[in-house]
Each structure stands twice: as structure tokens, then as C-alpha cells.
PDB file of N, CA and C in Angstrom:
ATOM      1  N   MET A   1      91.516  90.302  90.063  1.00  0.00           N
ATOM      2  CA  MET A   1      90.937  91.350  89.240  1.00  0.00           C
ATOM      3  C   MET A   1      91.872  92.562  89.255  1.00  0.00           C
ATOM      4  N   PRO A   2      92.202  93.110  88.119  1.00  0.00           N
ATOM      5  CA  PRO A   2      93.114  94.250  88.072  1.00  0.00           C
ATOM      6  C   PRO A   2      92.560  95.475  88.788  1.00  0.00           C
ATOM      7  N   LEU A   3      93.466  96.247  89.364  1.00  0.00           N
ATOM      8  CA  LEU A   3      93.097  97.489  90.025  1.00  0.00           C
ATOM      9  C   LEU A   3      92.990  98.602  88.993  1.00  0.00           C
ATOM     10  N   ASN A   4      92.503  99.765  89.411  1.00  0.00           N
ATOM     11  CA  ASN A   4      92.411 100.907  88.507  1.00  0.00           C
ATOM     12  C   ASN A   4      93.671 101.740  88.500  1.00  0.00           C
ATOM     13  N   THR A   5      94.522 101.583  89.521  1.00  0.00           N
ATOM     14  CA  THR A   5      95.757 102.343  89.608  1.00  0.00           C
ATOM     15  C   THR A   5      96.774 101.543  90.417  1.00  0.00           C
ATOM     16  N   ILE A   6      98.004 102.013  90.438  1.00  0.00           N
ATOM     17  CA  ILE A   6      99.033 101.370  91.239  1.00  0.00           C
ATOM     18  C   ILE A   6      99.757 102.428  92.061  1.00  0.00           C
ATOM     19  N   SER A   7     100.435 101.963  93.100  1.00  0.00           N
ATOM     20  CA  SER A   7     101.346 102.793  93.894  1.00  0.00           C
ATOM     21  C   SER A   7     102.751 102.312  93.545  1.00  0.00           C
ATOM     22  N   PRO A   8     103.414 102.959  92.586  1.00  0.00           N
ATOM     23  CA  PRO A   8     104.684 102.441  92.066  1.00  0.00           C
ATOM     24  C   PRO A   8     105.727 102.158  93.150  1.00  0.00           C
ATOM     25  N   PHE A   9     106.360 101.007  93.032  1.00  0.00           N
ATOM     26  CA  PHE A   9     107.472 100.577  93.879  1.00  0.00           C
ATOM     27  C   PHE A   9     107.063 100.330  95.333  1.00  0.00           C
ATOM     28  N   ARG A  10     105.799 100.188  95.635  1.00  0.00           N
ATOM     29  CA  ARG A  10     105.363 100.045  97.026  1.00  0.00           C
ATOM     30  C   ARG A  10     104.964  98.626  97.414  1.00  0.00           C
ATOM     31  N   ASN A  11     104.762  97.737  96.461  1.00  0.00           N
ATOM     32  CA  ASN A  11     104.380  96.359  96.789  1.00  0.00           C
ATOM     33  C   ASN A  11     104.654  95.453  95.596  1.00  0.00           C
ATOM     34  N   GLU A  12     104.408  94.199  95.787  1.00  0.00           N
ATOM     35  CA  GLU A  12     104.654  93.199  94.749  1.00  0.00           C
ATOM     36  C   GLU A  12     103.348  92.595  94.232  1.00  0.00           C
ATOM     37  N   SER A  13     102.241  93.288  94.412  1.00  0.00           N
ATOM     38  CA  SER A  13     100.969  92.641  94.105  1.00  0.00           C
ATOM     39  C   SER A  13     100.049  93.398  93.149  1.00  0.00           C
ATOM     40  N   GLU A  14     100.320  94.644  92.850  1.00  0.00           N
ATOM     41  CA  GLU A  14      99.387  95.404  92.018  1.00  0.00           C
ATOM     42  C   GLU A  14      99.658  95.198  90.528  1.00  0.00           C
ATOM     43  N   VAL A  15      98.589  94.980  89.809  1.00  0.00           N
ATOM     44  CA  VAL A  15      98.638  94.828  88.354  1.00  0.00           C
ATOM     45  C   VAL A  15      97.441  95.570  87.787  1.00  0.00           C
ATOM     46  N   ILE A  16      97.671  96.364  86.745  1.00  0.00           N
ATOM     47  CA  ILE A  16      96.545  96.985  86.048  1.00  0.00           C
ATOM     48  C   ILE A  16      96.672  96.677  84.561  1.00  0.00           C
ATOM     49  N   GLN A  17      95.548  96.742  83.879  1.00  0.00           N
ATOM     50  CA  GLN A  17      95.531  96.547  82.438  1.00  0.00           C
ATOM     51  C   GLN A  17      94.861  97.740  81.791  1.00  0.00           C
ATOM     52  N   ILE A  18      95.497  98.214  80.736  1.00  0.00           N
ATOM     53  CA  ILE A  18      94.935  99.272  79.905  1.00  0.00           C
ATOM     54  C   ILE A  18      94.876  98.675  78.509  1.00  0.00           C
ATOM     55  N   ASN A  19      93.687  98.233  78.125  1.00  0.00           N
ATOM     56  CA  ASN A  19      93.520  97.532  76.866  1.00  0.00           C
ATOM     57  C   ASN A  19      94.434  96.316  76.886  1.00  0.00           C
ATOM     58  N   GLY A  20      95.348  96.148  75.944  1.00  0.00           N
ATOM     59  CA  GLY A  20      96.256  95.005  75.920  1.00  0.00           C
ATOM     60  C   GLY A  20      97.576  95.262  76.611  1.00  0.00           C
ATOM     61  N   LEU A  21      97.692  96.368  77.321  1.00  0.00           N
ATOM     62  CA  LEU A  21      98.919  96.739  78.022  1.00  0.00           C
ATOM     63  C   LEU A  21      98.786  96.338  79.484  1.00  0.00           C
ATOM     64  N   THR A  22      99.803  95.669  80.016  1.00  0.00           N
ATOM     65  CA  THR A  22      99.809  95.257  81.416  1.00  0.00           C
ATOM     66  C   THR A  22     100.896  96.023  82.152  1.00  0.00           C
ATOM     67  N   VAL A  23     100.567  96.525  83.337  1.00  0.00           N
ATOM     68  CA  VAL A  23     101.522  97.224  84.197  1.00  0.00           C
ATOM     69  C   VAL A  23     101.583  96.449  85.502  1.00  0.00           C
ATOM     70  N   GLU A  24     102.777  95.931  85.841  1.00  0.00           N
ATOM     71  CA  GLU A  24     102.972  95.161  87.068  1.00  0.00           C
ATOM     72  C   GLU A  24     103.859  95.943  88.018  1.00  0.00           C
ATOM     73  N   ASN A  25     103.440  96.018  89.247  1.00  0.00           N
ATOM     74  CA  ASN A  25     104.181  96.731  90.280  1.00  0.00           C
ATOM     75  C   ASN A  25     105.124  95.777  91.001  1.00  0.00           C
ATOM     76  N   ARG A  26     106.331  96.233  91.266  1.00  0.00           N
ATOM     77  CA  ARG A  26     107.313  95.489  92.060  1.00  0.00           C
ATOM     78  C   ARG A  26     107.983  96.480  92.994  1.00  0.00           C
ATOM     79  N   LEU A  27     108.760  95.991  93.931  1.00  0.00           N
ATOM     80  CA  LEU A  27     109.463  96.881  94.855  1.00  0.00           C
ATOM     81  C   LEU A  27     110.631  97.594  94.195  1.00  0.00           C
ATOM     82  N   ASP A  28     111.218  96.978  93.175  1.00  0.00           N
ATOM     83  CA  ASP A  28     112.399  97.569  92.530  1.00  0.00           C
ATOM     84  C   ASP A  28     112.177  97.934  91.072  1.00  0.00           C
ATOM     85  N   ARG A  29     110.942  97.761  90.566  1.00  0.00           N
ATOM     86  CA  ARG A  29     110.664  98.095  89.172  1.00  0.00           C
ATOM     87  C   ARG A  29     109.168  98.124  88.910  1.00  0.00           C
ATOM     88  N   VAL A  30     108.807  98.772  87.851  1.00  0.00           N
ATOM     89  CA  VAL A  30     107.447  98.729  87.324  1.00  0.00           C
ATOM     90  C   VAL A  30     107.593  98.176  85.912  1.00  0.00           C
ATOM     91  N   SER A  31     106.961  97.049  85.652  1.00  0.00           N
ATOM     92  CA  SER A  31     107.061  96.405  84.344  1.00  0.00           C
ATOM     93  C   SER A  31     105.837  96.742  83.508  1.00  0.00           C
ATOM     94  N   ILE A  32     106.091  97.182  82.274  1.00  0.00           N
ATOM     95  CA  ILE A  32     105.016  97.508  81.345  1.00  0.00           C
ATOM     96  C   ILE A  32     105.243  96.676  80.085  1.00  0.00           C
ATOM     97  N   TYR A  33     104.237  95.879  79.724  1.00  0.00           N
ATOM     98  CA  TYR A  33     104.395  95.062  78.521  1.00  0.00           C
ATOM     99  C   TYR A  33     103.040  94.842  77.846  1.00  0.00           C
ATOM    100  N   GLY A  34     103.104  94.420  76.615  1.00  0.00           N
ATOM    101  CA  GLY A  34     101.900  94.209  75.824  1.00  0.00           C
ATOM    102  C   GLY A  34     101.805  95.267  74.744  1.00  0.00           C
ATOM    103  N   SER A  35     100.606  95.508  74.273  1.00  0.00           N
ATOM    104  CA  SER A  35     100.418  96.547  73.259  1.00  0.00           C
ATOM    105  C   SER A  35      99.100  97.260  73.511  1.00  0.00           C
ATOM    106  N   ILE A  36      99.054  98.463  72.994  1.00  0.00           N
ATOM    107  CA  ILE A  36      97.851  99.278  73.144  1.00  0.00           C
ATOM    108  C   ILE A  36      97.709 100.121  71.878  1.00  0.00           C
ATOM    109  N   ASP A  37      96.502 100.267  71.420  1.00  0.00           N
ATOM    110  CA  ASP A  37      96.217 101.155  70.303  1.00  0.00           C
ATOM    111  C   ASP A  37      95.566 102.407  70.857  1.00  0.00           C
ATOM    112  N   LEU A  38      96.200 103.544  70.628  1.00  0.00           N
ATOM    113  CA  LEU A  38      95.642 104.829  71.026  1.00  0.00           C
ATOM    114  C   LEU A  38      94.990 105.430  69.787  1.00  0.00           C
ATOM    115  N   THR A  39      93.717 105.177  69.659  1.00  0.00           N
ATOM    116  CA  THR A  39      92.964 105.603  68.476  1.00  0.00           C
ATOM    117  C   THR A  39      92.582 107.078  68.574  1.00  0.00           C
ATOM    118  N   LEU A  40      92.334 107.675  67.439  1.00  0.00           N
ATOM    119  CA  LEU A  40      91.997 109.095  67.359  1.00  0.00           C
ATOM    120  C   LEU A  40      90.510 109.288  67.636  1.00  0.00           C
ATOM    121  N   ASP A  41      90.140 108.997  68.898  1.00  0.00           N
ATOM    122  CA  ASP A  41      88.758 109.149  69.323  1.00  0.00           C
ATOM    123  C   ASP A  41      88.721 109.271  70.847  1.00  0.00           C
ATOM    124  N   LYS A  42      87.540 109.353  71.426  1.00  0.00           N
ATOM    125  CA  LYS A  42      87.415 109.528  72.879  1.00  0.00           C
ATOM    126  C   LYS A  42      87.932 108.324  73.652  1.00  0.00           C
ATOM    127  N   ILE A  43      87.766 107.147  73.097  1.00  0.00           N
ATOM    128  CA  ILE A  43      88.282 105.943  73.753  1.00  0.00           C
ATOM    129  C   ILE A  43      89.808 105.972  73.766  1.00  0.00           C
ATOM    130  N   GLY A  44      90.417 106.365  72.658  1.00  0.00           N
ATOM    131  CA  GLY A  44      91.876 106.481  72.596  1.00  0.00           C
ATOM    132  C   GLY A  44      92.399 107.511  73.573  1.00  0.00           C
ATOM    133  N   LEU A  45      91.692 108.620  73.703  1.00  0.00           N
ATOM    134  CA  LEU A  45      92.075 109.659  74.661  1.00  0.00           C
ATOM    135  C   LEU A  45      91.998 109.132  76.088  1.00  0.00           C
ATOM    136  N   LYS A  46      90.961 108.394  76.404  1.00  0.00           N
ATOM    137  CA  LYS A  46      90.809 107.828  77.749  1.00  0.00           C
ATOM    138  C   LYS A  46      91.960 106.869  78.065  1.00  0.00           C
ATOM    139  N   LYS A  47      92.323 106.016  77.118  1.00  0.00           N
ATOM    140  CA  LYS A  47      93.438 105.085  77.329  1.00  0.00           C
ATOM    141  C   LYS A  47      94.755 105.831  77.463  1.00  0.00           C
ATOM    142  N   ALA A  48      94.952 106.866  76.653  1.00  0.00           N
ATOM    143  CA  ALA A  48      96.188 107.656  76.714  1.00  0.00           C
ATOM    144  C   ALA A  48      96.320 108.358  78.062  1.00  0.00           C
ATOM    145  N   ARG A  49      95.233 108.887  78.567  1.00  0.00           N
ATOM    146  CA  ARG A  49      95.260 109.558  79.877  1.00  0.00           C
ATOM    147  C   ARG A  49      95.571 108.576  80.991  1.00  0.00           C
ATOM    148  N   LYS A  50      95.023 107.364  80.927  1.00  0.00           N
ATOM    149  CA  LYS A  50      95.298 106.348  81.949  1.00  0.00           C
ATOM    150  C   LYS A  50      96.769 105.948  81.905  1.00  0.00           C
ATOM    151  N   LEU A  51      97.309 105.765  80.709  1.00  0.00           N
ATOM    152  CA  LEU A  51      98.724 105.430  80.563  1.00  0.00           C
ATOM    153  C   LEU A  51      99.597 106.552  81.111  1.00  0.00           C
ATOM    154  N   LEU A  52      99.258 107.784  80.791  1.00  0.00           N
ATOM    155  CA  LEU A  52      99.995 108.940  81.290  1.00  0.00           C
ATOM    156  C   LEU A  52      99.937 109.002  82.823  1.00  0.00           C
ATOM    157  N   GLU A  53      98.789 108.717  83.394  1.00  0.00           N
ATOM    158  CA  GLU A  53      98.631 108.725  84.851  1.00  0.00           C
ATOM    159  C   GLU A  53      99.578 107.723  85.512  1.00  0.00           C
ATOM    160  N   VAL A  54      99.653 106.527  84.953  1.00  0.00           N
ATOM    161  CA  VAL A  54     100.532 105.492  85.511  1.00  0.00           C
ATOM    162  C   VAL A  54     101.996 105.894  85.365  1.00  0.00           C
ATOM    163  N   VAL A  55     102.379 106.382  84.204  1.00  0.00           N
ATOM    164  CA  VAL A  55     103.772 106.782  83.970  1.00  0.00           C
ATOM    165  C   VAL A  55     104.147 107.978  84.853  1.00  0.00           C
ATOM    166  N   MET A  56     103.264 108.956  84.971  1.00  0.00           N
ATOM    167  CA  MET A  56     103.572 110.126  85.802  1.00  0.00           C
ATOM    168  C   MET A  56     103.668 109.760  87.279  1.00  0.00           C
ATOM    169  N   ALA A  57     102.838 108.840  87.765  1.00  0.00           N
ATOM    170  CA  ALA A  57     102.944 108.385  89.151  1.00  0.00           C
ATOM    171  C   ALA A  57     104.293 107.719  89.378  1.00  0.00           C
ATOM    172  N   THR A  58     104.765 106.978  88.384  1.00  0.00           N
ATOM    173  CA  THR A  58     106.077 106.324  88.467  1.00  0.00           C
ATOM    174  C   THR A  58     107.193 107.362  88.465  1.00  0.00           C
ATOM    175  N   VAL A  59     107.103 108.340  87.587  1.00  0.00           N
ATOM    176  CA  VAL A  59     108.112 109.414  87.524  1.00  0.00           C
ATOM    177  C   VAL A  59     108.136 110.196  88.831  1.00  0.00           C
ATOM    178  N   ASP A  60     106.988 110.484  89.402  1.00  0.00           N
ATOM    179  CA  ASP A  60     106.926 111.229  90.666  1.00  0.00           C
ATOM    180  C   ASP A  60     107.684 110.507  91.775  1.00  0.00           C
ATOM    181  N   VAL A  61     107.488 109.193  91.873  1.00  0.00           N
ATOM    182  CA  VAL A  61     108.208 108.418  92.902  1.00  0.00           C
ATOM    183  C   VAL A  61     109.705 108.429  92.617  1.00  0.00           C
ATOM    184  N   LEU A  62     110.088 108.222  91.364  1.00  0.00           N
ATOM    185  CA  LEU A  62     111.507 108.214  91.008  1.00  0.00           C
ATOM    186  C   LEU A  62     112.175 109.551  91.322  1.00  0.00           C
ATOM    187  N   GLU A  63     111.503 110.639  91.019  1.00  0.00           N
ATOM    188  CA  GLU A  63     112.083 111.959  91.258  1.00  0.00           C
ATOM    189  C   GLU A  63     112.204 112.282  92.743  1.00  0.00           C
ATOM    190  N   ALA A  64     111.377 111.661  93.585  1.00  0.00           N
ATOM    191  CA  ALA A  64     111.393 111.938  95.021  1.00  0.00           C
ATOM    192  C   ALA A  64     112.424 111.099  95.780  1.00  0.00           C
ATOM    193  N   GLU A  65     113.015 110.124  95.122  1.00  0.00           N
ATOM    194  CA  GLU A  65     113.956 109.203  95.771  1.00  0.00           C
ATOM    195  C   GLU A  65     115.404 109.614  95.532  1.00  0.00           C
ATOM    196  N   ASP A  66     116.274 109.187  96.448  1.00  0.00           N
ATOM    197  CA  ASP A  66     117.719 109.292  96.255  1.00  0.00           C
ATOM    198  C   ASP A  66     118.129 108.002  95.558  1.00  0.00           C
ATOM    199  N   LEU A  67     118.210 108.039  94.249  1.00  0.00           N
ATOM    200  CA  LEU A  67     118.352 106.826  93.445  1.00  0.00           C
ATOM    201  C   LEU A  67     119.804 106.373  93.303  1.00  0.00           C
ATOM    202  N   PRO A  68     120.020 105.050  93.320  1.00  0.00           N
ATOM    203  CA  PRO A  68     121.336 104.537  92.958  1.00  0.00           C
ATOM    204  C   PRO A  68     121.513 104.678  91.446  1.00  0.00           C
ATOM    205  N   GLU A  69     122.724 104.527  90.978  1.00  0.00           N
ATOM    206  CA  GLU A  69     122.981 104.595  89.533  1.00  0.00           C
ATOM    207  C   GLU A  69     122.245 103.476  88.802  1.00  0.00           C
ATOM    208  N   LYS A  70     122.262 102.259  89.400  1.00  0.00           N
ATOM    209  CA  LYS A  70     121.621 101.111  88.767  1.00  0.00           C
ATOM    210  C   LYS A  70     121.205 100.116  89.835  1.00  0.00           C
ATOM    211  N   VAL A  71     120.013  99.544  89.685  1.00  0.00           N
ATOM    212  CA  VAL A  71     119.545  98.493  90.584  1.00  0.00           C
ATOM    213  C   VAL A  71     120.118  97.169  90.094  1.00  0.00           C
ATOM    214  N   ILE A  72     120.681  96.414  91.004  1.00  0.00           N
ATOM    215  CA  ILE A  72     121.210  95.085  90.673  1.00  0.00           C
ATOM    216  C   ILE A  72     120.122  94.065  90.988  1.00  0.00           C
ATOM    217  N   THR A  73     119.761  93.283  89.993  1.00  0.00           N
ATOM    218  CA  THR A  73     118.747  92.253  90.200  1.00  0.00           C
ATOM    219  C   THR A  73     119.379  90.885  90.044  1.00  0.00           C
ATOM    220  N   ASP A  74     118.927  89.953  90.851  1.00  0.00           N
ATOM    221  CA  ASP A  74     119.414  88.576  90.768  1.00  0.00           C
ATOM    222  C   ASP A  74     118.682  87.858  89.650  1.00  0.00           C
ATOM    223  N   MET A  75     119.398  86.984  88.966  1.00  0.00           N
ATOM    224  CA  MET A  75     118.765  86.142  87.958  1.00  0.00           C
ATOM    225  C   MET A  75     117.901  85.107  88.677  1.00  0.00           C
ATOM    226  N   PRO A  76     116.727  84.803  88.154  1.00  0.00           N
ATOM    227  CA  PRO A  76     115.890  83.795  88.811  1.00  0.00           C
ATOM    228  C   PRO A  76     116.575  82.436  88.798  1.00  0.00           C
ATOM    229  N   GLU A  77     116.330  81.682  89.841  1.00  0.00           N
ATOM    230  CA  GLU A  77     116.918  80.354  89.952  1.00  0.00           C
ATOM    231  C   GLU A  77     116.149  79.385  89.062  1.00  0.00           C
ATOM    232  N   THR A  78     116.875  78.591  88.293  1.00  0.00           N
ATOM    233  CA  THR A  78     116.255  77.578  87.453  1.00  0.00           C
ATOM    234  C   THR A  78     116.141  76.291  88.265  1.00  0.00           C
ATOM    235  N   VAL A  79     114.952  75.729  88.276  1.00  0.00           N
ATOM    236  CA  VAL A  79     114.744  74.485  89.010  1.00  0.00           C
ATOM    237  C   VAL A  79     114.356  73.379  88.046  1.00  0.00           C
ATOM    238  N   LYS A  80     114.646  72.164  88.446  1.00  0.00           N
ATOM    239  CA  LYS A  80     114.314  71.000  87.615  1.00  0.00           C
ATOM    240  C   LYS A  80     112.802  70.863  87.532  1.00  0.00           C
ATOM    241  N   ASN A  81     112.307  70.579  86.330  1.00  0.00           N
ATOM    242  CA  ASN A  81     110.878  70.343  86.120  1.00  0.00           C
ATOM    243  C   ASN A  81     110.475  69.083  86.872  1.00  0.00           C
ATOM    244  N   PRO A  82     109.541  69.161  87.829  1.00  0.00           N
ATOM    245  CA  PRO A  82     109.148  67.979  88.596  1.00  0.00           C
ATOM    246  C   PRO A  82     108.346  66.956  87.777  1.00  0.00           C
ATOM    247  N   PHE A  83     107.924  67.322  86.581  1.00  0.00           N
ATOM    248  CA  PHE A  83     107.133  66.424  85.750  1.00  0.00           C
ATOM    249  C   PHE A  83     107.964  65.659  84.721  1.00  0.00           C
ATOM    250  N   ASP A  84     109.279  65.926  84.692  1.00  0.00           N
ATOM    251  CA  ASP A  84     110.142  65.192  83.762  1.00  0.00           C
ATOM    252  C   ASP A  84     110.555  63.877  84.341  1.00  0.00           C
TER     253      ASP A  84
END
């Protein structure tokens, strides 16, 4: 079940959903994908505030760190399909 918030860059297990938008927490990145409609109503405002909260929490952590120029990530290993 998705959480209501995340602690950016602190674990590999937190995932939240804001409408059709998914935010996944990792140790070296925060992945945001999907889509969201921010409608001109109270529901749209609520979704926009939640999105802003997640992004600002991420920015706060980034600004507090001594960051490298770029994180190097390994390509995932491709394995043979065991069902072939």
C-alpha cells in the first residue's frame, strides 16, 4: 500500500501515488513517472500541494548534501528468460 510521503534518498522501499503519478524512492534517485491532471478546483489544488511537498522534500535533501557532479549508475544485468 502506498505511503502518504517519502524520505527522499533514504531507502529503496517507499512509493507514493498522486492520482496517476508514481514517486519511487531510491538511495541514489527519486523516480517520478506517470501523469497527473491538476484541475482548476479544490481537488486539483490538493494534488498540486502534494506534488509540491514531495518535490520540495527532495530539493531540501539535495541542497543539504555535498553533491557529486553526476551519479554513475550501473546498467541492469540482462539474464536469460528461464521460460524460453
